């Protein structure tokens, strides 16, 4: 689409506006971004034009979604055209860079002690100190520390992302996570299965079909109360966000997110698109928390 270059054009990234918090999550974690059509400065209300001109030499100040009016909801949270255009370019670069699986050795941490420490940091010491710890080997996850409390901590790899994520094969990604006992019995098997299929050399399409077959015959029923901790500042969830933010995740059978009030104004509950029936029959909710597992405060930009 060609814009009228004789008028001042404002480029807006829809997910950056954060009208719904799930758009914020998708934009930050999974790079799902969309450019809106041409938006002209002279088409905005006068007060909005003045605000934009005052901020012309720097980034436009971001406002929370609750303060956005219907008429200027996207204009109030403008980003510069350069910043807007750079994100899809990075996404395209990532898709090309991670178009196929890297060598297995790139996904394995050779220092097992470091992987154990990273896994434990997913949850507060009151939980992780007595948890079972697993590390990734060439044939799957292996238990290296026996637990006492029923929790299991490990470091997930990139293939636990949504299948359409551009960085699905990013060998740098590390996701420290601690599952509670119900999740150990009914969610952790999905991690094991995906990992098994990946390490067997299957293509992404073959992995999806393998997961569908596992869901139909081998996946245990989802237990009530299944949840996990992801509170480690050492995580690396993708090339853009690093550890992102400390949060808890809750698993329920595939359901309407509205039943949890997810992504509504003022609620901390967010829908995570990790599974959501693609193909796993699970809905996953995230709730950010203000501190990392060691009790230190997360940076404000990460909250």
Foldseek 3Di string as FASTA:
>chain_A
DDDDVVFAWFKFKVLLLCLFVQSVVCCQQFNDIDIDPTDGLVVADPVLSVQCVVCVVHFQDHDHNVPADPRCSGSNHTGHPVVVVVSVVVQVVLLVVQVDADPPVLQFDPPVVVQLVQLLQLAACVPSVQAFEWGADLQFIDTDGHHDQQKYWGWAALCLAQLPRSNSRPSVFTFIKIKHNLCVQAPVVVSRLLSNCVSVPDDSVVSLVSVVVCLVPPGDPRDPPIKMWGQHQCGQSDPRQGSQATKIKDKDFQDDCVVVPARPPPDQKHWRVSPNPSPHRITMIIGGDQHGNHRHGDPPVSD
